[in-house]
Amino acid sequence: MTLTDTVVKNIITRVIKSQDYRIEIVNLINAEFLQFAVDFFKKIVAAKLNSENITIDWYRKAFMGTDLSTDEIAINSGLNKKTISNMYGSATRTIVIEAANEHFESLYNNIQALVEMEKEIDLTLTIKMKGVSVDLNVSESLIIINTLAVKRAALRGGFWSTAGKSAEKYLMLTLCKLYNVDEKYYDASHFVKDKGKKVDREIDFYLLNNGKEYLCEVKLMGKGNPESADAIIARDSNVFVADTLSQQNKNQCDQLGINWVALRDPEGFRRFKLALDKLGIPNTDYQGNLDTDLPIILKKLF
């Protein structure tokens, strides 16, 4: 599941209304994870229907077979590709398969040692589907639980890192539309889309006036990430649009002459007009109703 247009619209709407957009990402993570869990359990039940025993060898064959994608192999071994890339400096198919098998062997041995030490614990995971019941012992259950935990963590990291990137360009376009900025006064053509990836990776948005380009940057971050603001400020941006900015970040921007917009502030989006005015870009003050206007604007953009 990728970030859909509907979710991006919801993120933009919530951000401009000074609301927390994170619930949209949480809902995506939940939906993707629960679907993964259900599909994972179905595969286990299917193995029982075929009279196969769920053993260490069966699991490796069914969930780490070379016919699977590298993402699936990594997750099912208890790793994710980003971790493998960090460990080995690469995530080629050969490396992923090698790392996955090595890690799974280590994981299984650790689980076996734990089971031996904690003999008083009796854990049985029962999965039922269409009248068929599958019981997994302690070792098997812990392998399944670990796989689900790794998948959840991978989804969480992936969605949080891509959410902002997916919404940034359209957030800037929406702000421009709210203030009736003519298209000749902004340029989103520097926005680069890599069709080989699930998310748009590089986004630059420029406001234009009298032959000058004013770099605008967006960072949907919280107060706990001041280093992200520092990185944006260091790029000599002219306009910095953020979800939340600390007072220190705001002071930094003021000292450096950077026009900032903190959207979480009450009606924070209105500071965008101040930026437009300072850069001499023609605009019309927004006096409309966000509940009415945002759906219309976003429908046109998408």
Protein backbone atom coordinates (compact mmCIF):
# COMPACT_ATOMS: atom_id res chain seq x y z
CA MET A 1 0.00 0.00 0.00
CA THR A 2 1.33 3.40 -0.99
CA LEU A 3 0.17 6.77 0.19
CA THR A 4 -2.97 7.35 -1.85
CA ASP A 5 -4.19 10.65 -3.19
CA THR A 6 -7.01 10.57 -0.65
CA VAL A 7 -4.59 10.31 2.25
CA VAL A 8 -2.39 13.09 0.88
CA LYS A 9 -5.48 15.28 0.57
CA ASN A 10 -6.39 14.50 4.17
CA ILE A 11 -2.87 15.34 5.37
CA ILE A 12 -2.90 18.70 3.58
CA THR A 13 -6.37 19.52 4.89
CA ARG A 14 -5.46 18.75 8.47
CA VAL A 15 -2.13 20.61 8.30
CA ILE A 16 -3.66 23.80 6.87
CA LYS A 17 -6.41 23.66 9.50
CA SER A 18 -3.71 23.57 12.21
CA GLN A 19 -4.63 19.99 13.09
CA ASP A 20 -2.35 17.01 13.67
CA TYR A 21 -2.02 14.99 10.47
CA ARG A 22 -0.33 11.99 12.07
CA ILE A 23 -3.54 10.02 12.57
CA GLU A 24 -3.64 9.57 8.78
CA ILE A 25 -0.26 7.85 8.86
CA VAL A 26 -1.21 5.74 11.86
CA ASN A 27 -4.33 4.55 10.03
CA LEU A 28 -2.22 3.58 7.02
CA ILE A 29 0.22 1.65 9.17
CA ASN A 30 -2.61 -0.16 10.94
CA ALA A 31 -4.36 -1.09 7.70
CA GLU A 32 -1.20 -2.35 6.02
CA PHE A 33 -0.02 -4.26 9.08
CA LEU A 34 -3.33 -5.96 9.77
CA GLN A 35 -3.60 -7.05 6.13
CA PHE A 36 -0.07 -8.44 6.28
CA ALA A 37 -0.88 -10.33 9.49
CA VAL A 38 -4.04 -11.88 8.04
CA ASP A 39 -2.26 -12.93 4.84
CA PHE A 40 0.62 -14.33 6.88
CA PHE A 41 -1.74 -16.43 9.01
CA LYS A 42 -3.54 -17.68 5.88
CA LYS A 43 -0.26 -19.05 4.54
CA ILE A 44 0.34 -20.94 7.76
CA VAL A 45 -3.14 -22.46 7.70
CA ALA A 46 -2.69 -23.37 4.03
CA ALA A 47 0.41 -25.34 4.98
CA LYS A 48 -1.61 -27.41 7.43
CA LEU A 49 -4.28 -28.03 4.81
CA ASN A 50 -1.53 -29.50 2.67
CA SER A 51 -0.49 -31.70 5.57
CA GLU A 52 2.84 -30.01 5.95
CA ASN A 53 4.54 -29.69 9.29
CA ILE A 54 5.52 -26.22 10.41
CA THR A 55 9.17 -26.78 11.19
CA ILE A 56 12.32 -24.74 10.89
CA ASP A 57 12.94 -26.20 7.42
CA TRP A 58 9.35 -25.66 6.29
CA TYR A 59 9.37 -22.07 7.44
CA ARG A 60 12.63 -21.34 5.62
CA LYS A 61 11.27 -22.92 2.45
CA ALA A 62 7.83 -21.31 2.58
CA PHE A 63 8.74 -17.83 3.81
CA MET A 64 12.35 -17.39 2.72
CA GLY A 65 12.36 -19.15 -0.61
CA THR A 66 14.37 -17.61 -3.44
CA ASP A 67 11.17 -17.17 -5.46
CA LEU A 68 10.03 -14.46 -3.03
CA SER A 69 10.93 -10.79 -3.24
CA THR A 70 13.91 -9.54 -1.24
CA ASP A 71 11.54 -7.47 0.93
CA GLU A 72 9.56 -10.59 1.85
CA ILE A 73 12.66 -12.68 2.49
CA ALA A 74 14.17 -10.03 4.74
CA ILE A 75 11.01 -9.42 6.77
CA ASN A 76 10.26 -13.12 7.19
CA SER A 77 13.77 -13.69 8.51
CA GLY A 78 13.27 -11.03 11.17
CA LEU A 79 15.14 -8.21 9.39
CA ASN A 80 14.30 -5.48 6.93
CA LYS A 81 16.20 -4.33 3.86
CA LYS A 82 17.24 -1.03 5.38
CA THR A 83 18.89 -2.84 8.28
CA ILE A 84 20.63 -5.22 5.88
CA SER A 85 21.84 -2.30 3.77
CA ASN A 86 23.25 -0.60 6.86
CA MET A 87 24.95 -3.79 8.00
CA TYR A 88 26.46 -4.85 4.68
CA GLY A 89 26.62 -1.59 2.76
CA SER A 90 24.34 -3.06 0.10
CA ALA A 91 20.96 -4.73 -0.29
CA THR A 92 21.41 -6.70 -3.49
CA ARG A 93 19.41 -9.90 -3.80
CA THR A 94 22.41 -12.10 -3.09
CA ILE A 95 23.31 -10.17 0.05
CA VAL A 96 19.70 -10.08 1.29
CA ILE A 97 19.31 -13.85 0.92
CA GLU A 98 22.63 -14.51 2.63
CA ALA A 99 21.95 -12.09 5.48
CA ALA A 100 18.39 -13.35 5.93
CA ASN A 101 19.41 -16.98 6.25
CA GLU A 102 22.26 -16.14 8.61
CA HIS A 103 20.02 -14.02 10.82
CA PHE A 104 17.18 -16.53 10.83
CA GLU A 105 19.50 -19.30 11.94
CA SER A 106 20.73 -17.10 14.78
CA LEU A 107 17.18 -16.10 15.70
CA TYR A 108 16.00 -19.70 15.79
CA ASN A 109 18.92 -20.75 17.98
CA ASN A 110 18.21 -17.87 20.38
CA ILE A 111 14.56 -18.86 20.57
CA GLN A 112 15.46 -22.49 21.25
CA ALA A 113 17.83 -21.43 24.04
CA LEU A 114 15.13 -19.21 25.54
CA VAL A 115 12.58 -22.02 25.43
CA GLU A 116 15.01 -24.30 27.25
CA MET A 117 15.61 -21.72 29.96
CA GLU A 118 11.94 -20.78 30.37
CA LYS A 119 10.43 -24.25 30.51
CA GLU A 120 7.63 -23.13 32.80
CA ILE A 121 6.19 -20.95 30.01
CA ASP A 122 3.72 -22.75 27.76
CA LEU A 123 2.70 -20.64 24.78
CA THR A 124 0.39 -21.86 22.05
CA LEU A 125 -0.74 -19.70 19.14
CA THR A 126 -3.95 -21.01 17.59
CA ILE A 127 -5.10 -19.88 14.15
CA LYS A 128 -8.55 -20.86 12.87
CA MET A 129 -9.87 -20.43 9.35
CA LYS A 130 -12.84 -22.10 7.69
CA GLY A 131 -13.08 -24.73 10.40
CA VAL A 132 -9.39 -25.58 10.27
CA SER A 133 -7.40 -25.03 13.47
CA VAL A 134 -3.63 -24.69 13.52
CA ASP A 135 -1.66 -24.78 16.76
CA LEU A 136 1.87 -23.40 16.92
CA ASN A 137 4.22 -24.31 19.77
CA VAL A 138 6.38 -21.86 21.71
CA SER A 139 9.24 -21.75 19.20
CA GLU A 140 6.97 -21.41 16.19
CA SER A 141 4.84 -18.77 17.91
CA LEU A 142 7.88 -16.66 18.82
CA ILE A 143 9.12 -16.79 15.23
CA ILE A 144 5.73 -15.58 14.00
CA ILE A 145 5.52 -12.87 16.66
CA ASN A 146 9.01 -11.62 15.81
CA THR A 147 8.18 -11.50 12.10
CA LEU A 148 5.06 -9.47 12.76
CA ALA A 149 7.00 -7.08 15.01
CA VAL A 150 9.66 -6.52 12.35
CA LYS A 151 7.00 -5.93 9.68
CA ARG A 152 5.26 -3.38 11.88
CA ALA A 153 8.52 -1.55 12.52
CA ALA A 154 9.39 -1.54 8.82
CA LEU A 155 5.98 -0.15 7.90
CA ARG A 156 6.22 2.49 10.57
CA GLY A 157 9.61 3.73 9.42
CA GLY A 158 8.63 3.67 5.77
CA PHE A 159 5.35 5.52 6.06
CA TRP A 160 6.61 8.19 8.44
CA SER A 161 9.58 8.93 6.19
CA THR A 162 7.48 9.18 3.02
CA ALA A 163 4.37 10.93 4.28
CA GLY A 164 5.81 14.42 4.24
CA LYS A 165 7.53 13.95 0.90
CA SER A 166 4.27 12.87 -0.71
CA ALA A 167 2.40 15.95 0.50
CA GLU A 168 4.97 18.75 0.21
CA LYS A 169 4.46 19.86 -3.38
CA TYR A 170 0.69 19.80 -3.09
CA LEU A 171 0.76 21.66 0.19
CA MET A 172 2.66 24.53 -1.46
CA LEU A 173 0.31 24.51 -4.44
CA THR A 174 -2.68 24.62 -2.09
CA LEU A 175 -1.26 27.62 -0.22
CA CYS A 176 -0.71 29.40 -3.52
CA LYS A 177 -4.28 28.66 -4.59
CA LEU A 178 -5.69 29.94 -1.29
CA TYR A 179 -4.01 33.31 -1.95
CA ASN A 180 -4.75 33.37 -5.68
CA VAL A 181 -1.09 33.41 -6.68
CA ASP A 182 -0.86 33.31 -10.46
CA GLU A 183 0.98 30.29 -11.87
CA LYS A 184 3.63 32.54 -13.40
CA TYR A 185 4.78 33.41 -9.88
CA TYR A 186 5.70 29.87 -8.81
CA ASP A 187 7.52 26.88 -10.25
CA ALA A 188 7.08 23.27 -9.20
CA SER A 189 8.94 21.85 -12.18
CA HIS A 190 11.99 21.15 -10.02
CA PHE A 191 9.89 18.47 -8.39
CA VAL A 192 11.50 15.18 -9.42
CA LYS A 193 9.54 11.95 -9.60
CA ASP A 194 11.41 8.66 -9.81
CA LYS A 195 8.94 6.20 -11.33
CA GLY A 196 11.05 3.33 -10.07
CA LYS A 197 10.19 4.18 -6.48
CA LYS A 198 6.94 4.22 -4.55
CA VAL A 199 7.46 7.74 -3.32
CA ASP A 200 8.57 11.02 -4.81
CA ARG A 201 11.99 11.64 -3.33
CA GLU A 202 13.12 15.16 -4.20
CA ILE A 203 10.98 18.24 -3.89
CA ASP A 204 11.89 21.87 -4.49
CA PHE A 205 9.30 24.59 -4.89
CA TYR A 206 10.13 28.10 -6.04
CA LEU A 207 8.27 31.37 -5.83
CA LEU A 208 9.18 33.66 -8.72
CA ASN A 209 9.32 37.43 -9.13
CA ASN A 210 11.20 39.70 -11.51
CA GLY A 211 13.50 36.93 -12.70
CA LYS A 212 14.39 35.84 -9.18
CA GLU A 213 13.79 32.37 -7.73
CA TYR A 214 12.93 32.05 -4.06
CA LEU A 215 13.45 28.56 -2.67
CA CYS A 216 10.61 27.22 -0.54
CA GLU A 217 11.06 24.20 1.69
CA VAL A 218 8.49 22.17 3.56
CA LYS A 219 9.13 20.01 6.60
CA LEU A 220 6.23 18.30 8.33
CA MET A 221 8.13 17.81 11.56
CA GLY A 222 7.49 18.16 15.26
CA LYS A 223 9.30 20.14 17.92
CA GLY A 224 11.40 17.08 18.70
CA ASN A 225 13.31 17.44 15.43
CA PRO A 226 15.15 20.79 15.61
CA GLU A 227 18.03 19.40 13.59
CA SER A 228 15.69 19.10 10.60
CA ALA A 229 14.98 22.81 10.82
CA ASP A 230 18.70 23.52 11.05
CA ALA A 231 19.30 21.55 7.84
CA ILE A 232 16.60 23.49 5.99
CA ILE A 233 17.89 26.83 7.28
CA ALA A 234 21.40 25.89 6.17
CA ARG A 235 20.19 25.53 2.58
CA ASP A 236 19.57 29.26 2.34
CA SER A 237 15.84 28.80 1.86
CA ASN A 238 13.73 31.91 1.38
CA VAL A 239 10.51 30.41 2.70
CA PHE A 240 10.33 27.66 5.31
CA VAL A 241 6.95 25.97 5.78
CA ALA A 242 6.72 23.57 8.71
CA ASP A 243 4.10 21.72 10.70
CA THR A 244 5.61 22.84 14.00
CA LEU A 245 8.48 25.21 14.78
CA SER A 246 10.00 25.93 18.16
CA GLN A 247 10.47 29.53 19.24
CA GLN A 248 14.20 29.05 18.76
CA ASN A 249 13.63 27.92 15.16
CA LYS A 250 11.44 30.96 14.55
CA ASN A 251 14.09 33.27 16.03
CA GLN A 252 16.74 31.66 13.81
CA CYS A 253 14.64 32.25 10.73
CA ASP A 254 13.94 35.86 11.70
CA GLN A 255 17.65 36.54 12.24
CA LEU A 256 18.53 35.05 8.86
CA GLY A 257 15.71 36.75 7.01
CA ILE A 258 13.91 33.50 6.23
CA ASN A 259 10.14 33.74 5.94
CA TRP A 260 8.65 31.03 8.12
CA VAL A 261 5.20 29.47 8.32
CA ALA A 262 4.34 27.28 11.33
CA LEU A 263 1.12 25.59 10.28
CA ARG A 264 0.28 24.17 13.71
CA ASP A 265 0.03 27.68 15.14
CA PRO A 266 -3.59 28.95 15.22
CA GLU A 267 -4.39 29.82 11.59
CA GLY A 268 -0.68 29.42 10.96
CA PHE A 269 -1.18 29.18 7.20
CA ARG A 270 -1.92 32.94 7.13
CA ARG A 271 1.79 33.71 7.59
CA PHE A 272 2.22 32.54 3.99
CA LYS A 273 0.74 35.88 2.89
CA LEU A 274 3.46 37.70 4.85
CA ALA A 275 6.07 35.74 2.90
CA LEU A 276 4.36 36.56 -0.40
CA ASP A 277 4.19 40.25 0.47
CA LYS A 278 7.86 40.41 1.53
CA LEU A 279 8.91 38.78 -1.74
CA GLY A 280 6.71 41.17 -3.73
CA ILE A 281 4.55 38.40 -5.16
CA PRO A 282 1.00 39.51 -6.07
CA ASN A 283 -1.69 37.78 -4.03
CA THR A 284 -5.16 38.20 -2.61
CA ASP A 285 -5.78 37.95 1.11
CA TYR A 286 -7.72 34.82 1.96
CA GLN A 287 -11.13 35.52 3.46
CA GLY A 288 -12.91 32.31 2.54
CA ASN A 289 -14.02 29.17 4.36
CA LEU A 290 -11.46 26.36 4.51
CA ASP A 291 -14.14 23.70 4.89
CA THR A 292 -15.62 24.80 1.57
CA ASP A 293 -12.54 25.90 -0.36
CA LEU A 294 -9.99 23.16 0.42
CA PRO A 295 -12.02 20.29 -1.11
CA ILE A 296 -12.46 22.33 -4.30
CA ILE A 297 -8.76 23.23 -4.54
CA LEU A 298 -7.56 19.72 -3.79
CA LYS A 299 -9.98 18.19 -6.30
CA LYS A 300 -8.46 20.39 -9.01
CA LEU A 301 -4.89 19.61 -7.97
CA PHE A 302 -5.46 15.86 -8.05
